Amino acid sequence: IGNGHSWDLDRNDGGTYILPPYVSQEGSD
């Protein structure tokens, strides 16, 4: 997927974001 360029989704006002699970102050899961 990268930055979404192949699907014209590499936008300045928007774009493609990879969202894996992450660590927060409450912990991670």
PDB file of all heavy atoms in Angstrom:
ATOM      1  N   ILE A   1       0.821  -1.207   0.000  1.00  0.00           N
ATOM      2  CA  ILE A   1       0.000   0.000   0.000  1.00  0.00           C
ATOM      3  C   ILE A   1       0.857   1.259   0.000  1.00  0.00           C
ATOM      4  O   ILE A   1       0.580   2.228  -0.713  1.00  0.00           O
ATOM      5  CB  ILE A   1      -0.955   0.004   1.211  1.00  0.00           C
ATOM      6  CG1 ILE A   1      -1.957  -1.146   1.104  1.00  0.00           C
ATOM      7  CG2 ILE A   1      -1.701   1.338   1.314  1.00  0.00           C
ATOM      8  CD1 ILE A   1      -2.815  -1.337   2.345  1.00  0.00           C
ATOM      9  N   GLY A   2       1.924   1.256   0.792  1.00  0.00           N
ATOM     10  CA  GLY A   2       2.789   2.430   0.863  1.00  0.00           C
ATOM     11  C   GLY A   2       2.016   3.673   1.251  1.00  0.00           C
ATOM     12  O   GLY A   2       1.238   3.673   2.212  1.00  0.00           O
ATOM     13  N   ASN A   3       2.192   4.746   0.477  1.00  0.00           N
ATOM     14  CA  ASN A   3       1.485   6.002   0.772  1.00  0.00           C
ATOM     15  C   ASN A   3       0.195   6.140  -0.028  1.00  0.00           C
ATOM     16  O   ASN A   3      -0.431   7.205  -0.027  1.00  0.00           O
ATOM     17  CB  ASN A   3       2.402   7.204   0.515  1.00  0.00           C
ATOM     18  CG  ASN A   3       2.741   7.374  -0.967  1.00  0.00           C
ATOM     19  OD1 ASN A   3       2.408   6.519  -1.799  1.00  0.00           O
ATOM     20  ND2 ASN A   3       3.408   8.471  -1.298  1.00  0.00           N
ATOM     21  N   GLY A   4      -0.208   5.063  -0.720  1.00  0.00           N
ATOM     22  CA  GLY A   4      -1.456   5.097  -1.469  1.00  0.00           C
ATOM     23  C   GLY A   4      -1.355   5.686  -2.858  1.00  0.00           C
ATOM     24  O   GLY A   4      -2.372   5.890  -3.534  1.00  0.00           O
ATOM     25  N   HIS A   5      -0.136   5.946  -3.324  1.00  0.00           N
ATOM     26  CA  HIS A   5       0.046   6.620  -4.611  1.00  0.00           C
ATOM     27  C   HIS A   5      -0.583   5.847  -5.774  1.00  0.00           C
ATOM     28  O   HIS A   5      -1.172   6.450  -6.681  1.00  0.00           O
ATOM     29  CB  HIS A   5       1.541   6.824  -4.877  1.00  0.00           C
ATOM     30  CG  HIS A   5       1.835   7.388  -6.235  1.00  0.00           C
ATOM     31  ND1 HIS A   5       1.629   8.719  -6.546  1.00  0.00           N
ATOM     32  CD2 HIS A   5       2.302   6.796  -7.379  1.00  0.00           C
ATOM     33  CE1 HIS A   5       1.955   8.924  -7.817  1.00  0.00           C
ATOM     34  NE2 HIS A   5       2.365   7.782  -8.333  1.00  0.00           N
ATOM     35  N   SER A   6      -0.478   4.524  -5.756  1.00  0.00           N
ATOM     36  CA  SER A   6      -0.986   3.717  -6.878  1.00  0.00           C
ATOM     37  C   SER A   6      -2.491   3.856  -7.055  1.00  0.00           C
ATOM     38  O   SER A   6      -3.018   3.566  -8.134  1.00  0.00           O
ATOM     39  CB  SER A   6      -0.627   2.237  -6.667  1.00  0.00           C
ATOM     40  OG  SER A   6       0.771   2.061  -6.664  1.00  0.00           O
ATOM     41  N   TRP A   7      -3.194   4.286  -6.010  1.00  0.00           N
ATOM     42  CA  TRP A   7      -4.654   4.435  -6.063  1.00  0.00           C
ATOM     43  C   TRP A   7      -5.063   5.915  -6.035  1.00  0.00           C
ATOM     44  O   TRP A   7      -6.218   6.234  -5.789  1.00  0.00           O
ATOM     45  CB  TRP A   7      -5.295   3.687  -4.892  1.00  0.00           C
ATOM     46  CG  TRP A   7      -4.909   2.249  -4.892  1.00  0.00           C
ATOM     47  CD1 TRP A   7      -5.571   1.211  -5.489  1.00  0.00           C
ATOM     48  CD2 TRP A   7      -3.740   1.680  -4.297  1.00  0.00           C
ATOM     49  NE1 TRP A   7      -4.890   0.032  -5.299  1.00  0.00           N
ATOM     50  CE2 TRP A   7      -3.756   0.290  -4.568  1.00  0.00           C
ATOM     51  CE3 TRP A   7      -2.680   2.196  -3.554  1.00  0.00           C
ATOM     52  CZ2 TRP A   7      -2.756  -0.575  -4.137  1.00  0.00           C
ATOM     53  CZ3 TRP A   7      -1.672   1.336  -3.125  1.00  0.00           C
ATOM     54  CH2 TRP A   7      -1.723  -0.033  -3.414  1.00  0.00           C
ATOM     55  N   ASP A   8      -4.071   6.798  -6.275  1.00  0.00           N
ATOM     56  CA  ASP A   8      -4.305   8.249  -6.229  1.00  0.00           C
ATOM     57  C   ASP A   8      -4.855   8.667  -4.868  1.00  0.00           C
ATOM     58  O   ASP A   8      -5.729   9.524  -4.766  1.00  0.00           O
ATOM     59  CB  ASP A   8      -5.267   8.674  -7.357  1.00  0.00           C
ATOM     60  CG  ASP A   8      -5.298  10.193  -7.553  1.00  0.00           C
ATOM     61  OD1 ASP A   8      -4.286  10.840  -7.243  1.00  0.00           O
ATOM     62  OD2 ASP A   8      -6.344  10.717  -7.990  1.00  0.00           O
ATOM     63  N   LEU A   9      -4.316   8.060  -3.830  1.00  0.00           N
ATOM     64  CA  LEU A   9      -4.760   8.368  -2.473  1.00  0.00           C
ATOM     65  C   LEU A   9      -3.629   8.962  -1.629  1.00  0.00           C
ATOM     66  O   LEU A   9      -3.652   8.900  -0.404  1.00  0.00           O
ATOM     67  CB  LEU A   9      -5.311   7.109  -1.793  1.00  0.00           C
ATOM     68  CG  LEU A   9      -6.662   6.601  -2.321  1.00  0.00           C
ATOM     69  CD1 LEU A   9      -6.996   5.238  -1.728  1.00  0.00           C
ATOM     70  CD2 LEU A   9      -7.780   7.600  -2.009  1.00  0.00           C
ATOM     71  N   ASP A  10      -2.624   9.537  -2.291  1.00  0.00           N
ATOM     72  CA  ASP A  10      -1.555  10.233  -1.572  1.00  0.00           C
ATOM     73  C   ASP A  10      -1.861  11.728  -1.608  1.00  0.00           C
ATOM     74  O   ASP A  10      -1.241  12.496  -2.330  1.00  0.00           O
ATOM     75  CB  ASP A  10      -0.184   9.920  -2.176  1.00  0.00           C
ATOM     76  CG  ASP A  10      -0.129  10.165  -3.683  1.00  0.00           C
ATOM     77  OD1 ASP A  10      -1.188  10.155  -4.342  1.00  0.00           O
ATOM     78  OD2 ASP A  10       0.976  10.374  -4.214  1.00  0.00           O
ATOM     79  N   ARG A  11      -2.835  12.118  -0.807  1.00  0.00           N
ATOM     80  CA  ARG A  11      -3.346  13.495  -0.846  1.00  0.00           C
ATOM     81  C   ARG A  11      -2.765  14.330   0.291  1.00  0.00           C
ATOM     82  O   ARG A  11      -2.490  13.821   1.381  1.00  0.00           O
ATOM     83  CB  ARG A  11      -4.868  13.489  -0.719  1.00  0.00           C
ATOM     84  CG  ARG A  11      -5.596  12.539  -1.671  1.00  0.00           C
ATOM     85  CD  ARG A  11      -5.504  12.975  -3.113  1.00  0.00           C
ATOM     86  NE  ARG A  11      -6.208  12.059  -4.011  1.00  0.00           N
ATOM     87  CZ  ARG A  11      -7.495  12.160  -4.309  1.00  0.00           C
ATOM     88  NH1 ARG A  11      -8.237  13.109  -3.774  1.00  0.00           N
ATOM     89  NH2 ARG A  11      -8.048  11.299  -5.157  1.00  0.00           N
ATOM     90  N   ASN A  12      -2.623  15.644   0.030  1.00  0.00           N
ATOM     91  CA  ASN A  12      -2.196  16.548   1.099  1.00  0.00           C
ATOM     92  C   ASN A  12      -3.286  16.697   2.154  1.00  0.00           C
ATOM     93  O   ASN A  12      -3.018  16.712   3.352  1.00  0.00           O
ATOM     94  CB  ASN A  12      -1.849  17.922   0.511  1.00  0.00           C
ATOM     95  CG  ASN A  12      -0.576  17.894  -0.306  1.00  0.00           C
ATOM     96  OD1 ASN A  12       0.324  17.102  -0.026  1.00  0.00           O
ATOM     97  ND2 ASN A  12      -0.491  18.747  -1.319  1.00  0.00           N
ATOM     98  N   ASP A  13      -4.528  16.825   1.704  1.00  0.00           N
ATOM     99  CA  ASP A  13      -5.662  16.956   2.625  1.00  0.00           C
ATOM    100  C   ASP A  13      -6.402  15.630   2.707  1.00  0.00           C
ATOM    101  O   ASP A  13      -7.514  15.464   2.212  1.00  0.00           O
ATOM    102  CB  ASP A  13      -6.615  18.066   2.143  1.00  0.00           C
ATOM    103  CG  ASP A  13      -5.970  19.430   2.158  1.00  0.00           C
ATOM    104  OD1 ASP A  13      -5.078  19.645   2.985  1.00  0.00           O
ATOM    105  OD2 ASP A  13      -6.357  20.274   1.328  1.00  0.00           O
ATOM    106  N   GLY A  14      -5.776  14.666   3.319  1.00  0.00           N
ATOM    107  CA  GLY A  14      -6.361  13.331   3.413  1.00  0.00           C
ATOM    108  C   GLY A  14      -5.251  12.309   3.312  1.00  0.00           C
ATOM    109  O   GLY A  14      -4.284  12.329   4.069  1.00  0.00           O
ATOM    110  N   GLY A  15      -5.391  11.390   2.353  1.00  0.00           N
ATOM    111  CA  GLY A  15      -4.347  10.406   2.129  1.00  0.00           C
ATOM    112  C   GLY A  15      -4.697   9.041   2.692  1.00  0.00           C
ATOM    113  O   GLY A  15      -5.796   8.802   3.196  1.00  0.00           O
ATOM    114  N   THR A  16      -3.731   8.124   2.584  1.00  0.00           N
ATOM    115  CA  THR A  16      -3.875   6.758   3.071  1.00  0.00           C
ATOM    116  C   THR A  16      -3.020   6.587   4.321  1.00  0.00           C
ATOM    117  O   THR A  16      -1.849   6.983   4.340  1.00  0.00           O
ATOM    118  CB  THR A  16      -3.420   5.757   2.002  1.00  0.00           C
ATOM    119  OG1 THR A  16      -4.159   5.985   0.804  1.00  0.00           O
ATOM    120  CG2 THR A  16      -3.658   4.324   2.463  1.00  0.00           C
ATOM    121  N   TYR A  17      -3.600   5.983   5.347  1.00  0.00           N
ATOM    122  CA  TYR A  17      -2.915   5.815   6.630  1.00  0.00           C
ATOM    123  C   TYR A  17      -2.973   4.349   7.045  1.00  0.00           C
ATOM    124  O   TYR A  17      -4.053   3.759   7.106  1.00  0.00           O
ATOM    125  CB  TYR A  17      -3.577   6.677   7.708  1.00  0.00           C
ATOM    126  CG  TYR A  17      -3.565   8.157   7.410  1.00  0.00           C
ATOM    127  CD1 TYR A  17      -4.519   8.715   6.563  1.00  0.00           C
ATOM    128  CD2 TYR A  17      -2.602   8.995   7.961  1.00  0.00           C
ATOM    129  CE1 TYR A  17      -4.519  10.070   6.272  1.00  0.00           C
ATOM    130  CE2 TYR A  17      -2.591  10.353   7.688  1.00  0.00           C
ATOM    131  CZ  TYR A  17      -3.553  10.888   6.838  1.00  0.00           C
ATOM    132  OH  TYR A  17      -3.546  12.235   6.562  1.00  0.00           O
ATOM    133  N   ILE A  18      -1.812   3.768   7.302  1.00  0.00           N
ATOM    134  CA  ILE A  18      -1.738   2.411   7.840  1.00  0.00           C
ATOM    135  C   ILE A  18      -1.905   2.511   9.355  1.00  0.00           C
ATOM    136  O   ILE A  18      -1.156   3.228  10.025  1.00  0.00           O
ATOM    137  CB  ILE A  18      -0.401   1.738   7.491  1.00  0.00           C
ATOM    138  CG1 ILE A  18      -0.169   1.745   5.972  1.00  0.00           C
ATOM    139  CG2 ILE A  18      -0.363   0.323   8.051  1.00  0.00           C
ATOM    140  CD1 ILE A  18      -1.159   0.928   5.182  1.00  0.00           C
ATOM    141  N   LEU A  19      -2.878   1.776   9.899  1.00  0.00           N
ATOM    142  CA  LEU A  19      -3.232   1.911  11.312  1.00  0.00           C
ATOM    143  C   LEU A  19      -3.129   0.560  12.026  1.00  0.00           C
ATOM    144  O   LEU A  19      -4.111  -0.156  12.191  1.00  0.00           O
ATOM    145  CB  LEU A  19      -4.657   2.467  11.439  1.00  0.00           C
ATOM    146  CG  LEU A  19      -4.914   3.830  10.783  1.00  0.00           C
ATOM    147  CD1 LEU A  19      -6.400   4.159  10.806  1.00  0.00           C
ATOM    148  CD2 LEU A  19      -4.110   4.919  11.487  1.00  0.00           C
ATOM    149  N   PRO A  20      -1.939   0.193  12.491  1.00  0.00           N
ATOM    150  CA  PRO A  20      -1.800  -1.024  13.304  1.00  0.00           C
ATOM    151  C   PRO A  20      -2.188  -0.735  14.747  1.00  0.00           C
ATOM    152  O   PRO A  20      -2.334   0.434  15.141  1.00  0.00           O
ATOM    153  CB  PRO A  20      -0.307  -1.335  13.182  1.00  0.00           C
ATOM    154  CG  PRO A  20       0.324   0.020  13.060  1.00  0.00           C
ATOM    155  CD  PRO A  20      -0.653   0.869  12.279  1.00  0.00           C
ATOM    156  N   PRO A  21      -2.365  -1.775  15.575  1.00  0.00           N
ATOM    157  CA  PRO A  21      -2.549  -1.535  17.014  1.00  0.00           C
ATOM    158  C   PRO A  21      -1.337  -0.791  17.570  1.00  0.00           C
ATOM    159  O   PRO A  21      -0.226  -0.921  17.054  1.00  0.00           O
ATOM    160  CB  PRO A  21      -2.656  -2.948  17.604  1.00  0.00           C
ATOM    161  CG  PRO A  21      -2.987  -3.826  16.447  1.00  0.00           C
ATOM    162  CD  PRO A  21      -2.353  -3.205  15.246  1.00  0.00           C
ATOM    163  N   TYR A  22      -1.556  -0.012  18.626  1.00  0.00           N
ATOM    164  CA  TYR A  22      -0.462   0.802  19.151  1.00  0.00           C
ATOM    165  C   TYR A  22      -0.539   0.893  20.669  1.00  0.00           C
ATOM    166  O   TYR A  22      -1.540   0.526  21.291  1.00  0.00           O
ATOM    167  CB  TYR A  22      -0.509   2.208  18.543  1.00  0.00           C
ATOM    168  CG  TYR A  22      -1.766   2.984  18.860  1.00  0.00           C
ATOM    169  CD1 TYR A  22      -1.833   3.830  19.966  1.00  0.00           C
ATOM    170  CD2 TYR A  22      -2.892   2.873  18.050  1.00  0.00           C
ATOM    171  CE1 TYR A  22      -2.993   4.523  20.275  1.00  0.00           C
ATOM    172  CE2 TYR A  22      -4.061   3.566  18.342  1.00  0.00           C
ATOM    173  CZ  TYR A  22      -4.104   4.398  19.451  1.00  0.00           C
ATOM    174  OH  TYR A  22      -5.253   5.083  19.742  1.00  0.00           O
ATOM    175  N   VAL A  23       0.523   1.402  21.253  1.00  0.00           N
ATOM    176  CA  VAL A  23       0.608   1.577  22.706  1.00  0.00           C
ATOM    177  C   VAL A  23       0.098   2.968  23.070  1.00  0.00           C
ATOM    178  O   VAL A  23       0.477   3.962  22.457  1.00  0.00           O
ATOM    179  CB  VAL A  23       2.059   1.410  23.196  1.00  0.00           C
ATOM    180  CG1 VAL A  23       2.143   1.648  24.697  1.00  0.00           C
ATOM    181  CG2 VAL A  23       2.582   0.027  22.852  1.00  0.00           C
ATOM    182  N   SER A  24      -0.794   3.023  24.055  1.00  0.00           N
ATOM    183  CA  SER A  24      -1.273   4.302  24.577  1.00  0.00           C
ATOM    184  C   SER A  24      -1.006   4.340  26.079  1.00  0.00           C
ATOM    185  O   SER A  24      -0.465   3.397  26.658  1.00  0.00           O
ATOM    186  CB  SER A  24      -2.773   4.462  24.303  1.00  0.00           C
ATOM    187  OG  SER A  24      -3.518   3.532  25.075  1.00  0.00           O
ATOM    188  N   GLN A  25      -1.404   5.430  26.731  1.00  0.00           N
ATOM    189  CA  GLN A  25      -1.204   5.537  28.189  1.00  0.00           C
ATOM    190  C   GLN A  25      -1.987   4.466  28.935  1.00  0.00           C
ATOM    191  O   GLN A  25      -1.592   4.035  30.008  1.00  0.00           O
ATOM    192  CB  GLN A  25      -1.634   6.924  28.668  1.00  0.00           C
ATOM    193  CG  GLN A  25      -0.658   8.024  28.293  1.00  0.00           C
ATOM    194  CD  GLN A  25      -1.043   9.358  28.913  1.00  0.00           C
ATOM    195  OE1 GLN A  25      -2.217   9.595  29.183  1.00  0.00           O
ATOM    196  NE2 GLN A  25      -0.062  10.216  29.136  1.00  0.00           N
ATOM    197  N   GLU A  26      -3.105   4.026  28.334  1.00  0.00           N
ATOM    198  CA  GLU A  26      -3.913   2.984  28.969  1.00  0.00           C
ATOM    199  C   GLU A  26      -3.341   1.591  28.748  1.00  0.00           C
ATOM    200  O   GLU A  26      -3.831   0.605  29.277  1.00  0.00           O
ATOM    201  CB  GLU A  26      -5.350   3.036  28.438  1.00  0.00           C
ATOM    202  CG  GLU A  26      -6.151   4.252  28.887  1.00  0.00           C
ATOM    203  CD  GLU A  26      -5.762   5.513  28.137  1.00  0.00           C
ATOM    204  OE1 GLU A  26      -5.285   5.385  26.984  1.00  0.00           O
ATOM    205  OE2 GLU A  26      -5.896   6.612  28.691  1.00  0.00           O
ATOM    206  N   GLY A  27      -2.305   1.504  27.905  1.00  0.00           N
ATOM    207  CA  GLY A  27      -1.716   0.206  27.594  1.00  0.00           C
ATOM    208  C   GLY A  27      -1.844  -0.087  26.116  1.00  0.00           C
ATOM    209  O   GLY A  27      -2.088   0.805  25.302  1.00  0.00           O
ATOM    210  N   SER A  28      -1.647  -1.339  25.748  1.00  0.00           N
ATOM    211  CA  SER A  28      -1.735  -1.726  24.341  1.00  0.00           C
ATOM    212  C   SER A  28      -2.435  -3.068  24.229  1.00  0.00           C
ATOM    213  O   SER A  28      -2.480  -3.849  25.178  1.00  0.00           O
ATOM    214  CB  SER A  28      -0.335  -1.825  23.722  1.00  0.00           C
ATOM    215  OG  SER A  28       0.419  -2.849  24.351  1.00  0.00           O
ATOM    216  N   ASP A  29      -2.978  -3.305  23.072  1.00  0.00           N
ATOM    217  CA  ASP A  29      -3.671  -4.568  22.856  1.00  0.00           C
ATOM    218  C   ASP A  29      -3.823  -4.771  21.361  1.00  0.00           C
ATOM    219  O   ASP A  29      -3.756  -3.835  20.566  1.00  0.00           O
ATOM    220  CB  ASP A  29      -5.051  -4.552  23.511  1.00  0.00           C
ATOM    221  CG  ASP A  29      -5.487  -5.947  23.951  1.00  0.00           C
ATOM    222  OD1 ASP A  29      -4.951  -6.926  23.393  1.00  0.00           O
ATOM    223  OD2 ASP A  29      -6.327  -6.037  24.855  1.00  0.00           O
TER     224      ASP A  29
END
